[in-house]
Amino acid sequence: MATPLGDYLRLARAGFVMAREGVASRIDPGVRPPGSEPLFALAGLIARRGPASSAARLGAALSRLGPSYVKLGQFLATRPDVVGPQLARDLELLQDRMPPFPQAVAEATIARTFDRPVAQVYARLDPPLAAASIAQVHQGEVIDPDGTARRVAVKVLRPDVQRRFRIDLSSFYRAARLGESTSPEGKRLRLVAVVDTLARSVSMEMDLRLEAAAMSELAQNTGEDADFRVPAVDWDRTGREVLTTEWVEGIKLNNLEALRQAGHDLPRLGQIVMQSFLRHALRDGFFHADMHPGNLFVDADGKLVAVDCGIMGRLGQKERRFLAEILFGFITRDWLRTAQVHFEAGYVPPHHSVEDFAQAIRAIGEPIYSRRADQISMAKLLTLLFEVTALFDMQTRPELLLLQKTMVVVEGVARSLDPQLDMWKTAEPVVRAWIERNLGPAGRIEEMAVGIGAVGRSLQTLPELIAHGQRIAVQLDAATRDGLTLSPASTEAIGRAEGRGNRWVAGALWAIAALLLAQMLF
């Protein structure tokens, strides 16, 4: 059980490990708490010297501190406003890799989940292939009722991971509350809300049934996509601590040489990666938010296959419209419309000038048209846009930050496949199709149909509302016709309350009189 003393001791240990690996020196001075200079100077003195890169040292420190800190690091990569741009860049390179836990422990978890021996669940279960902070993956084999052998991927939750996260989250909350209470900047950054978001994300990742549901939803959304798919879930072998899916036969997207030898068109794959992400975000409002190369494969048919749906992002209709119009505004150089979108979405307070905001956006957008296609970064553009909107009191939007973080990763993957990829040309068909479908005549008709449906549902309940109002009117008329009457119990209770109130009033008057008398005497 977490205690305040335990929280502070764990935070002290984390601070020492970070300082030892030289992480403190990477924190931007602009985001350091006031009065913390002596602590950062001390951290510099105890930092270990060596040739390792800052990103490698950061990864080593977080891995040493455990799974909770690895997840925290990945999450803070989306918040350069909290940790500073330098440290955020290092965190973007953080790989979620942890030592595997023993095969016997994984088999015990499987047997407990399905209440039967592992041999009755899988015909074969190989040693772990990869291990991360939440779970590890094994290759297995199952025998279908018709006798067919089928290979599967088996994901098993780490032992005791929930207790570890619960204890470490207590420490994170302690640090966040301390930061908000001692620093106005900490309060502005809403540090407690940052930990809240991390806690929600991790709690969903630690129930593998929810990941299975996410894969099922993504598969349903993309069922008609010609160039993207996700593995099928084996629901009979899936529980809270175990997830079983179809085994993906394919080439990892970071194995460029193998992709070339298999005859795949790398520039085309880069377009598929970028367009698939935008299509899912805009069309479906539900996207894979961890699309690093280790989670992406290319199958024999040339389809992009995404695995590990533990981290997913959602966008509401308002956020999707915001994203589409922002991107389309930059594509068409319509700065005024891009500014108006922010105000219509309620992201920028109305006391600001739309024209001034459009001028600020123009300062970001115009320089990109003097650069080559391979020098234009949509992710960097969104980063700059969020920096400018902060000047106009735009509140932090967690769902947009996750979108931005994912776009950084997706853009990096797409550029690794085609360094000359024109991001705007690639994005334009997807964005234009969404604009035409949702903001054109068809979209307007659909909005009207939704409005008419809402009115129809209201009319259906109108008779019930009228009858309810009539009953209330009759009851009020009966209650007030001869005056309100109270039961003896109610009268007695009111009398007791009045007596207590009178005693308090009398006491207060005597206290005031005593004070006045003291002032006159002294």
Protein backbone atom coordinates (compact mmCIF):
# COMPACT_ATOMS: atom_id res chain seq x y z
CA MET A 1 0.00 0.00 0.00
CA ALA A 2 1.35 3.42 -1.00
CA THR A 3 2.12 5.90 1.81
CA PRO A 4 3.35 9.52 1.68
CA LEU A 5 6.78 8.50 3.00
CA GLY A 6 6.97 5.67 0.49
CA ASP A 7 5.99 8.03 -2.34
CA TYR A 8 8.73 10.50 -1.43
CA LEU A 9 11.33 7.75 -1.11
CA ARG A 10 10.43 6.36 -4.53
CA LEU A 11 10.53 9.85 -6.04
CA ALA A 12 13.94 10.45 -4.44
CA ARG A 13 15.26 7.20 -5.91
CA ALA A 14 13.87 8.13 -9.33
CA GLY A 15 15.50 11.55 -9.11
CA PHE A 16 18.85 9.98 -8.24
CA VAL A 17 18.68 7.49 -11.12
CA MET A 18 17.74 10.27 -13.56
CA ALA A 19 20.51 12.52 -12.28
CA ARG A 20 23.05 9.67 -12.44
CA GLU A 21 22.22 9.11 -16.12
CA GLY A 22 22.50 12.83 -16.89
CA VAL A 23 18.80 13.25 -17.69
CA ALA A 24 18.43 16.38 -15.54
CA SER A 25 20.74 18.34 -17.82
CA ARG A 26 18.39 17.67 -20.76
CA ILE A 27 15.42 19.36 -19.08
CA ASP A 28 14.82 22.76 -20.67
CA PRO A 29 15.58 25.58 -18.17
CA GLY A 30 12.30 27.22 -19.21
CA VAL A 31 10.23 24.42 -17.64
CA ARG A 32 12.27 23.95 -14.47
CA PRO A 33 10.50 24.91 -11.22
CA PRO A 34 11.61 28.21 -9.64
CA GLY A 35 14.29 27.81 -6.99
CA SER A 36 15.40 24.41 -8.32
CA GLU A 37 18.79 25.57 -9.62
CA PRO A 38 20.79 24.09 -6.68
CA LEU A 39 19.18 20.68 -7.23
CA PHE A 40 20.01 20.74 -10.94
CA ALA A 41 23.58 21.81 -10.13
CA LEU A 42 23.90 18.86 -7.75
CA ALA A 43 22.46 16.55 -10.40
CA GLY A 44 25.16 17.72 -12.79
CA LEU A 45 27.87 16.80 -10.28
CA ILE A 46 26.69 13.20 -9.83
CA ALA A 47 25.94 12.57 -13.53
CA ARG A 48 27.81 9.59 -14.94
CA ARG A 49 30.26 10.40 -17.72
CA GLY A 50 30.43 8.26 -20.83
CA PRO A 51 30.00 8.09 -24.61
CA ALA A 52 26.34 7.00 -24.63
CA SER A 53 23.80 9.30 -26.27
CA SER A 54 21.32 11.23 -24.17
CA ALA A 55 18.44 9.19 -25.60
CA ALA A 56 20.19 5.92 -24.71
CA ARG A 57 20.87 7.12 -21.17
CA LEU A 58 17.27 8.21 -20.76
CA GLY A 59 16.09 4.80 -21.93
CA ALA A 60 18.47 3.07 -19.52
CA ALA A 61 17.26 5.20 -16.59
CA LEU A 62 13.57 4.58 -17.28
CA SER A 63 14.08 0.85 -17.84
CA ARG A 64 15.93 0.64 -14.53
CA LEU A 65 13.07 2.38 -12.75
CA GLY A 66 10.54 -0.07 -14.14
CA PRO A 67 7.52 -0.38 -16.44
CA SER A 68 5.59 2.57 -14.99
CA TYR A 69 8.41 4.98 -15.79
CA VAL A 70 8.80 3.62 -19.33
CA LYS A 71 5.11 4.31 -19.91
CA LEU A 72 5.42 7.74 -18.29
CA GLY A 73 8.33 8.52 -20.61
CA GLN A 74 6.38 7.49 -23.70
CA PHE A 75 3.45 9.58 -22.57
CA LEU A 76 5.57 12.68 -21.82
CA ALA A 77 6.99 12.52 -25.34
CA THR A 78 3.66 14.11 -26.34
CA ARG A 79 4.07 16.95 -23.82
CA PRO A 80 7.09 19.13 -24.74
CA ASP A 81 5.34 21.91 -22.82
CA VAL A 82 5.90 19.88 -19.63
CA VAL A 83 9.41 18.44 -20.15
CA GLY A 84 10.80 20.82 -22.78
CA PRO A 85 11.50 20.15 -26.47
CA GLN A 86 14.96 18.59 -25.97
CA LEU A 87 13.82 15.90 -23.56
CA ALA A 88 10.64 15.31 -25.58
CA ARG A 89 12.77 14.51 -28.65
CA ASP A 90 14.79 11.99 -26.64
CA LEU A 91 11.59 10.42 -25.32
CA GLU A 92 10.26 10.01 -28.87
CA LEU A 93 13.12 7.54 -29.47
CA LEU A 94 12.30 5.53 -26.36
CA GLN A 95 11.61 1.88 -27.16
CA ASP A 96 9.32 -0.06 -24.84
CA ARG A 97 11.63 -3.03 -24.25
CA MET A 98 11.97 -4.89 -20.99
CA PRO A 99 13.55 -8.23 -19.98
CA PRO A 100 11.16 -11.17 -20.46
CA PHE A 101 9.69 -12.95 -17.47
CA PRO A 102 10.02 -16.75 -17.12
CA GLN A 103 8.06 -19.13 -19.33
CA ALA A 104 6.70 -20.91 -16.24
CA VAL A 105 5.15 -17.65 -14.99
CA ALA A 106 3.48 -17.04 -18.37
CA GLU A 107 2.09 -20.58 -18.39
CA ALA A 108 0.77 -20.16 -14.84
CA THR A 109 -1.02 -16.95 -15.90
CA ILE A 110 -2.60 -18.72 -18.89
CA ALA A 111 -3.73 -21.69 -16.76
CA ARG A 112 -5.25 -19.34 -14.16
CA THR A 113 -7.02 -17.24 -16.82
CA PHE A 114 -8.70 -20.18 -18.55
CA ASP A 115 -8.94 -22.48 -15.53
CA ARG A 116 -7.32 -25.39 -17.32
CA PRO A 117 -3.77 -26.60 -18.14
CA VAL A 118 -1.83 -24.75 -20.84
CA ALA A 119 -1.67 -27.94 -22.94
CA GLN A 120 -5.47 -27.82 -23.23
CA VAL A 121 -5.40 -24.21 -24.41
CA TYR A 122 -2.50 -24.36 -26.89
CA ALA A 123 -0.95 -27.30 -28.69
CA ARG A 124 2.40 -25.49 -28.41
CA LEU A 125 3.64 -22.36 -26.64
CA ASP A 126 7.13 -21.13 -27.57
CA PRO A 127 9.45 -18.98 -25.40
CA PRO A 128 8.79 -15.20 -25.51
CA LEU A 129 9.74 -13.37 -28.71
CA ALA A 130 9.44 -9.82 -27.36
CA ALA A 131 8.84 -8.25 -23.96
CA ALA A 132 7.56 -4.77 -23.13
CA SER A 133 6.53 -2.91 -19.99
CA ILE A 134 2.98 -4.30 -19.87
CA ALA A 135 3.20 -7.75 -21.45
CA GLN A 136 5.27 -10.14 -23.55
CA VAL A 137 4.47 -12.06 -26.74
CA HIS A 138 4.86 -15.77 -27.50
CA GLN A 139 4.23 -17.73 -30.65
CA GLY A 140 1.80 -20.61 -30.14
CA GLU A 141 -0.16 -23.18 -32.06
CA VAL A 142 -3.77 -24.29 -31.70
CA ILE A 143 -5.69 -27.19 -33.23
CA ASP A 144 -9.07 -26.27 -34.66
CA PRO A 145 -12.05 -28.69 -34.36
CA ASP A 146 -11.47 -29.89 -37.93
CA GLY A 147 -7.90 -30.90 -37.00
CA THR A 148 -6.19 -27.97 -38.72
CA ALA A 149 -3.10 -26.58 -36.97
CA ARG A 150 -3.01 -22.80 -36.76
CA ARG A 151 -0.23 -20.52 -35.52
CA VAL A 152 -1.21 -17.74 -33.12
CA ALA A 153 0.36 -14.83 -31.25
CA VAL A 154 -0.13 -15.03 -27.49
CA LYS A 155 0.25 -11.87 -25.40
CA VAL A 156 0.57 -12.41 -21.64
CA LEU A 157 0.36 -9.66 -19.00
CA ARG A 158 3.40 -9.16 -16.75
CA PRO A 159 3.05 -10.62 -13.26
CA ASP A 160 2.25 -8.10 -10.51
CA VAL A 161 2.23 -5.28 -13.07
CA GLN A 162 -1.04 -3.81 -11.80
CA ARG A 163 0.24 -3.48 -8.23
CA ARG A 164 3.47 -1.89 -9.46
CA PHE A 165 1.62 0.64 -11.56
CA ARG A 166 -0.77 1.45 -8.72
CA ILE A 167 2.14 2.21 -6.34
CA ASP A 168 4.10 4.24 -8.90
CA LEU A 169 1.00 6.20 -9.94
CA SER A 170 0.61 7.21 -6.30
CA SER A 171 4.12 8.69 -6.48
CA PHE A 172 3.33 10.44 -9.76
CA TYR A 173 0.19 11.99 -8.26
CA ARG A 174 2.20 13.11 -5.22
CA ALA A 175 4.75 14.86 -7.45
CA ALA A 176 2.03 16.41 -9.63
CA ARG A 177 0.11 17.82 -6.66
CA LEU A 178 3.35 19.19 -5.21
CA GLY A 179 4.17 20.81 -8.55
CA GLU A 180 0.75 22.44 -8.83
CA SER A 181 0.78 23.71 -5.23
CA THR A 182 4.27 25.22 -5.39
CA SER A 183 4.43 26.54 -8.94
CA PRO A 184 1.97 28.64 -10.99
CA GLU A 185 3.50 27.05 -14.08
CA GLY A 186 2.70 23.60 -12.71
CA LYS A 187 -0.91 24.66 -12.19
CA ARG A 188 -1.11 26.05 -15.74
CA LEU A 189 0.22 22.79 -17.17
CA ARG A 190 -2.40 20.83 -15.17
CA LEU A 191 0.09 18.25 -13.96
CA VAL A 192 -2.53 16.25 -12.07
CA ALA A 193 -4.60 16.02 -15.25
CA VAL A 194 -1.48 14.72 -17.03
CA VAL A 195 -1.23 11.86 -14.52
CA ASP A 196 -4.99 11.29 -14.80
CA THR A 197 -4.63 10.75 -18.54
CA LEU A 198 -1.67 8.40 -18.04
CA ALA A 199 -3.62 6.42 -15.43
CA ARG A 200 -6.61 5.98 -17.76
CA SER A 201 -4.40 4.88 -20.64
CA VAL A 202 -2.47 2.35 -18.56
CA SER A 203 -5.60 0.94 -16.91
CA MET A 204 -7.01 0.16 -20.36
CA GLU A 205 -3.75 -1.41 -21.53
CA MET A 206 -3.69 -3.73 -18.51
CA ASP A 207 -6.98 -5.38 -19.48
CA LEU A 208 -6.16 -7.30 -22.64
CA ARG A 209 -9.87 -7.82 -23.34
CA LEU A 210 -10.04 -4.10 -24.11
CA GLU A 211 -7.14 -4.41 -26.56
CA ALA A 212 -8.97 -7.30 -28.21
CA ALA A 213 -12.08 -5.11 -28.49
CA ALA A 214 -9.98 -2.31 -30.02
CA MET A 215 -8.58 -4.72 -32.63
CA SER A 216 -12.08 -5.92 -33.41
CA GLU A 217 -13.36 -2.35 -33.82
CA LEU A 218 -10.41 -1.36 -36.01
CA ALA A 219 -10.95 -4.50 -38.14
CA GLN A 220 -14.62 -3.61 -38.56
CA ASN A 221 -13.78 -0.03 -39.56
CA THR A 222 -11.15 -1.11 -42.10
CA GLY A 223 -12.88 -4.22 -43.47
CA GLU A 224 -13.25 -2.69 -46.93
CA ASP A 225 -9.80 -1.04 -47.05
CA ALA A 226 -7.73 -2.59 -49.83
CA ASP A 227 -4.33 -1.93 -48.27
CA PHE A 228 -4.73 -2.27 -44.49
CA ARG A 229 -5.85 -4.91 -42.00
CA VAL A 230 -5.40 -6.10 -38.40
CA PRO A 231 -5.05 -9.69 -37.13
CA ALA A 232 -8.21 -11.57 -36.15
CA VAL A 233 -8.84 -12.07 -32.43
CA ASP A 234 -9.22 -15.60 -31.03
CA TRP A 235 -11.93 -14.76 -28.46
CA ASP A 236 -12.02 -18.30 -27.05
CA ARG A 237 -8.41 -17.87 -25.88
CA THR A 238 -8.59 -14.26 -24.71
CA GLY A 239 -9.08 -12.96 -21.17
CA ARG A 240 -8.03 -10.07 -18.94
CA GLU A 241 -4.40 -11.27 -18.75
CA VAL A 242 -4.08 -13.18 -22.04
CA LEU A 243 -4.74 -12.10 -25.64
CA THR A 244 -4.58 -14.55 -28.55
CA THR A 245 -4.64 -13.37 -32.16
CA GLU A 246 -3.87 -14.61 -35.63
CA TRP A 247 -0.13 -14.97 -36.28
CA VAL A 248 0.99 -12.41 -38.87
CA GLU A 249 3.08 -13.80 -41.71
CA GLY A 250 4.87 -10.76 -43.03
CA ILE A 251 7.93 -8.54 -43.09
CA LYS A 252 8.46 -5.85 -40.48
CA LEU A 253 8.30 -2.38 -41.92
CA ASN A 254 11.76 -1.48 -40.62
CA ASN A 255 13.39 -4.34 -42.58
CA LEU A 256 13.85 -2.33 -45.77
CA GLU A 257 16.19 -4.79 -47.48
CA ALA A 258 13.77 -7.71 -46.99
CA LEU A 259 10.94 -5.54 -48.34
CA ARG A 260 12.96 -4.74 -51.45
CA GLN A 261 13.91 -8.37 -52.00
CA ALA A 262 10.24 -9.37 -51.73
CA GLY A 263 9.44 -6.90 -54.52
CA HIS A 264 7.43 -4.41 -52.50
CA ASP A 265 7.17 -0.79 -53.71
CA LEU A 266 8.66 1.18 -50.78
CA PRO A 267 7.40 4.65 -51.83
CA ARG A 268 3.92 3.17 -52.25
CA LEU A 269 4.15 1.65 -48.77
CA GLY A 270 5.07 5.07 -47.40
CA GLN A 271 1.88 6.51 -48.92
CA ILE A 272 -0.19 3.65 -47.49
CA VAL A 273 1.17 4.29 -43.98
CA MET A 274 0.37 8.01 -44.10
CA GLN A 275 -3.00 7.72 -45.81
CA SER A 276 -4.16 4.83 -43.61
CA PHE A 277 -3.47 6.84 -40.46
CA LEU A 278 -5.28 9.92 -41.77
CA ARG A 279 -8.19 7.83 -43.06
CA HIS A 280 -8.66 6.16 -39.69
CA ALA A 281 -8.38 9.44 -37.78
CA LEU A 282 -10.74 11.41 -40.06
CA ARG A 283 -13.17 8.82 -41.41
CA ASP A 284 -13.49 6.63 -38.31
CA GLY A 285 -12.34 8.87 -35.45
CA PHE A 286 -10.45 5.81 -34.12
CA PHE A 287 -6.77 5.31 -34.88
CA HIS A 288 -3.79 3.18 -33.88
CA ALA A 289 -1.73 5.49 -31.68
CA ASP A 290 1.45 3.39 -31.52
CA MET A 291 2.37 2.94 -35.19
CA HIS A 292 6.12 2.48 -34.81
CA PRO A 293 7.82 0.09 -37.31
CA GLY A 294 7.89 -2.79 -34.81
CA ASN A 295 4.08 -2.82 -34.83
CA LEU A 296 3.69 -2.73 -38.62
CA PHE A 297 4.11 -5.60 -41.08
CA VAL A 298 3.62 -6.10 -44.81
CA ASP A 299 1.99 -9.38 -45.77
CA ALA A 300 2.45 -11.35 -49.00
CA ASP A 301 -0.41 -9.40 -50.64
CA GLY A 302 1.26 -6.08 -49.95
CA LYS A 303 -1.22 -5.12 -47.24
CA LEU A 304 -0.12 -3.12 -44.21
CA VAL A 305 -0.86 -5.15 -41.05
CA ALA A 306 -0.93 -3.36 -37.68
CA VAL A 307 -0.50 -5.25 -34.39
CA ASP A 308 -0.47 -4.22 -30.70
CA CYS A 309 -3.60 -2.10 -30.32
CA GLY A 310 -2.99 -1.34 -26.65
CA ILE A 311 -2.83 2.42 -27.28
CA MET A 312 -5.63 3.80 -29.44
CA GLY A 313 -6.79 7.34 -30.10
CA ARG A 314 -10.32 8.69 -30.54
CA LEU A 315 -11.52 11.90 -32.13
CA GLY A 316 -15.05 13.24 -31.92
CA GLN A 317 -16.79 14.80 -34.88
CA LYS A 318 -15.71 18.28 -33.79
CA GLU A 319 -12.05 17.23 -33.52
CA ARG A 320 -12.18 15.47 -36.89
CA ARG A 321 -13.61 18.54 -38.56
CA PHE A 322 -10.97 20.66 -36.85
CA LEU A 323 -8.14 18.43 -38.10
CA ALA A 324 -9.49 18.18 -41.65
CA GLU A 325 -10.06 21.90 -42.03
CA ILE A 326 -6.69 22.73 -40.48
CA LEU A 327 -4.84 20.46 -42.92
CA PHE A 328 -6.98 21.60 -45.86
CA GLY A 329 -6.43 25.23 -44.92
CA PHE A 330 -2.67 24.75 -45.02
CA ILE A 331 -2.90 22.80 -48.28
CA THR A 332 -4.92 25.62 -49.92
CA ARG A 333 -3.17 28.47 -48.02
CA ASP A 334 -6.51 29.73 -46.67
CA TRP A 335 -5.17 31.20 -43.43
CA LEU A 336 -8.35 33.06 -42.48
CA ARG A 337 -10.47 29.91 -42.73
CA THR A 338 -7.87 28.00 -40.71
CA ALA A 339 -8.12 30.64 -37.98
CA GLN A 340 -11.92 30.62 -38.04
CA VAL A 341 -11.94 26.85 -37.46
CA HIS A 342 -10.18 27.35 -34.12
CA PHE A 343 -12.81 29.87 -33.01
CA GLU A 344 -15.75 27.77 -34.27
CA ALA A 345 -14.44 24.76 -32.33
CA GLY A 346 -14.24 26.90 -29.18
CA TYR A 347 -10.51 26.25 -28.81
CA VAL A 348 -9.58 29.94 -28.87
CA PRO A 349 -11.52 32.35 -26.59
CA PRO A 350 -13.76 34.77 -28.55
CA HIS A 351 -12.17 37.91 -27.10
CA HIS A 352 -9.19 37.38 -29.43
CA SER A 353 -9.15 38.71 -32.99
CA VAL A 354 -9.66 36.16 -35.78
CA GLU A 355 -7.56 38.33 -38.10
CA ASP A 356 -4.66 38.48 -35.63
CA PHE A 357 -4.82 34.72 -35.22
CA ALA A 358 -4.85 34.26 -39.01
CA GLN A 359 -1.72 36.42 -39.19
CA ALA A 360 0.02 34.17 -36.65
CA ILE A 361 -0.96 31.06 -38.64
CA ARG A 362 0.29 32.66 -41.85
CA ALA A 363 3.68 33.12 -40.15
CA ILE A 364 3.83 29.34 -39.73
CA GLY A 365 2.36 28.31 -43.07
CA GLU A 366 4.00 30.56 -45.62
CA PRO A 367 7.59 29.39 -45.02
CA ILE A 368 6.70 25.78 -45.91
CA TYR A 369 5.96 26.75 -49.52
CA SER A 370 9.56 27.80 -50.08
CA ARG A 371 10.86 24.36 -49.08
CA ARG A 372 11.20 21.08 -50.92
CA ALA A 373 8.61 18.38 -50.33
CA ASP A 374 11.03 16.27 -48.30
CA GLN A 375 11.67 19.23 -45.97
CA ILE A 376 8.02 19.74 -45.05
CA SER A 377 6.85 18.05 -41.84
CA MET A 378 3.15 17.96 -41.04
CA ALA A 379 3.95 16.86 -37.50
CA LYS A 380 6.33 19.78 -37.02
CA LEU A 381 3.68 22.06 -38.45
CA LEU A 382 1.14 20.90 -35.85
CA THR A 383 3.75 21.40 -33.13
CA LEU A 384 4.35 24.99 -34.22
CA LEU A 385 0.61 25.54 -34.51
CA PHE A 386 0.03 24.44 -30.92
CA GLU A 387 2.86 26.74 -29.77
CA VAL A 388 1.20 29.70 -31.47
CA THR A 389 -2.26 28.83 -30.15
CA ALA A 390 -0.85 28.91 -26.61
CA LEU A 391 -0.27 32.65 -27.14
CA PHE A 392 -4.00 32.97 -27.80
CA ASP A 393 -5.03 31.11 -24.61
CA MET A 394 -5.89 27.85 -26.35
CA GLN A 395 -6.33 25.15 -23.71
CA THR A 396 -4.38 21.91 -23.98
CA ARG A 397 -6.37 19.24 -25.84
CA PRO A 398 -5.14 15.75 -24.82
CA GLU A 399 -6.73 14.03 -27.82
CA LEU A 400 -4.96 16.41 -30.22
CA LEU A 401 -1.63 15.88 -28.45
CA LEU A 402 -1.97 12.11 -28.91
CA LEU A 403 -2.81 12.73 -32.57
CA GLN A 404 0.26 14.95 -32.95
CA LYS A 405 2.51 12.38 -31.28
CA THR A 406 1.19 9.62 -33.55
CA MET A 407 1.66 11.80 -36.61
CA VAL A 408 5.31 12.33 -35.64
CA VAL A 409 5.83 8.55 -35.57
CA VAL A 410 3.81 7.87 -38.74
CA GLU A 411 5.63 10.58 -40.65
CA GLY A 412 8.97 9.15 -39.57
CA VAL A 413 7.95 5.65 -40.74
CA ALA A 414 6.67 6.97 -44.07
CA ARG A 415 9.85 8.98 -44.66
CA SER A 416 12.03 5.95 -43.86
CA LEU A 417 10.30 4.18 -46.77
CA ASP A 418 10.47 7.19 -49.09
CA PRO A 419 12.73 10.09 -48.04
CA GLN A 420 11.26 12.23 -50.86
CA LEU A 421 7.64 11.66 -49.83
CA ASP A 422 5.49 14.76 -50.36
CA MET A 423 3.34 14.79 -47.22
CA TRP A 424 0.87 17.37 -48.51
CA LYS A 425 0.34 15.61 -51.84
CA THR A 426 -0.12 12.31 -49.98
CA ALA A 427 -2.58 13.74 -47.47
CA GLU A 428 -4.60 15.84 -49.90
CA PRO A 429 -6.86 13.08 -51.39
CA VAL A 430 -7.84 11.77 -47.94
CA VAL A 431 -8.49 15.23 -46.50
CA ARG A 432 -10.36 16.45 -49.59
CA ALA A 433 -12.55 13.33 -49.64
CA TRP A 434 -13.48 13.89 -45.99
CA ILE A 435 -14.22 17.58 -46.57
CA GLU A 436 -16.43 16.83 -49.59
CA ARG A 437 -18.23 13.98 -47.83
CA ASN A 438 -18.87 15.71 -44.50
CA LEU A 439 -18.95 19.43 -45.31
CA GLY A 440 -20.42 19.21 -48.81
CA PRO A 441 -24.07 18.71 -49.85
CA ALA A 442 -24.14 15.05 -48.75
CA GLY A 443 -22.85 15.99 -45.32
CA ARG A 444 -25.38 18.81 -44.98
CA ILE A 445 -28.24 16.44 -45.89
CA GLU A 446 -26.97 13.91 -43.34
CA GLU A 447 -26.80 16.63 -40.64
CA MET A 448 -30.38 17.62 -41.46
CA ALA A 449 -31.47 13.98 -41.22
CA VAL A 450 -29.83 13.67 -37.81
CA GLY A 451 -31.54 16.89 -36.67
CA ILE A 452 -34.92 15.71 -37.95
CA GLY A 453 -34.41 12.39 -36.14
CA ALA A 454 -33.67 14.23 -32.89
CA VAL A 455 -36.81 16.33 -33.31
CA GLY A 456 -38.81 13.17 -34.02
CA ARG A 457 -37.54 11.51 -30.85
CA SER A 458 -38.45 14.62 -28.86
CA LEU A 459 -41.97 14.62 -30.30
CA GLN A 460 -42.37 10.97 -29.32
CA THR A 461 -41.74 11.86 -25.68
CA LEU A 462 -43.88 15.04 -25.79
CA PRO A 463 -47.17 13.37 -24.63
CA GLU A 464 -45.38 11.81 -21.67
CA LEU A 465 -43.82 15.18 -20.74
CA ILE A 466 -47.22 16.90 -20.96
CA ALA A 467 -48.86 14.24 -18.77
CA HIS A 468 -46.02 14.53 -16.26
CA GLY A 469 -46.46 18.30 -16.15
CA GLN A 470 -50.19 17.93 -15.59
CA ARG A 471 -49.59 15.58 -12.66
CA ILE A 472 -47.19 18.06 -11.05
CA ALA A 473 -49.73 20.90 -11.54
CA VAL A 474 -52.50 18.85 -9.87
CA GLN A 475 -50.24 17.97 -6.93
CA LEU A 476 -49.21 21.62 -6.44
CA ASP A 477 -52.83 22.76 -6.62
CA ALA A 478 -53.88 20.21 -3.99
CA ALA A 479 -50.96 21.14 -1.73
CA THR A 480 -51.59 24.88 -1.81
CA ARG A 481 -55.41 24.99 -1.90
CA ASP A 482 -55.78 25.00 1.93
CA GLY A 483 -52.22 26.03 2.73
CA LEU A 484 -49.24 23.80 3.34
CA THR A 485 -49.59 21.34 6.24
CA LEU A 486 -46.75 19.64 8.03
CA SER A 487 -46.73 16.40 9.92
CA PRO A 488 -46.15 16.51 13.73
CA ALA A 489 -42.73 14.89 13.24
CA SER A 490 -41.71 17.60 10.76
CA THR A 491 -42.95 20.36 13.09
CA GLU A 492 -40.99 18.91 16.02
CA ALA A 493 -37.83 18.60 13.92
CA ILE A 494 -38.14 22.23 12.77
CA GLY A 495 -38.57 23.31 16.40
CA ARG A 496 -35.41 21.49 17.45
CA ALA A 497 -33.49 23.07 14.59
CA GLU A 498 -34.80 26.51 15.49
CA GLY A 499 -33.77 25.93 19.13
CA ARG A 500 -30.26 25.02 18.10
CA GLY A 501 -30.16 28.01 15.76
CA ASN A 502 -31.33 30.37 18.52
CA ARG A 503 -28.68 29.05 20.90
CA TRP A 504 -25.98 29.68 18.26
CA VAL A 505 -27.36 33.17 17.58
CA ALA A 506 -27.49 33.96 21.31
CA GLY A 507 -23.95 32.69 21.76
CA ALA A 508 -22.72 34.81 18.88
CA LEU A 509 -24.40 37.93 20.31
CA TRP A 510 -22.84 37.36 23.74
CA ALA A 511 -19.40 36.94 22.10
CA ILE A 512 -19.80 40.20 20.18
CA ALA A 513 -20.92 42.01 23.32
CA ALA A 514 -17.90 40.70 25.25
CA LEU A 515 -15.54 41.94 22.52
CA LEU A 516 -17.15 45.40 22.51
CA LEU A 517 -16.88 45.58 26.30
CA ALA A 518 -13.21 44.58 26.15
CA GLN A 519 -12.50 47.31 23.61
CA MET A 520 -14.19 49.95 25.81
CA LEU A 521 -12.28 48.85 28.90
CA PHE A 522 -8.87 48.54 27.31
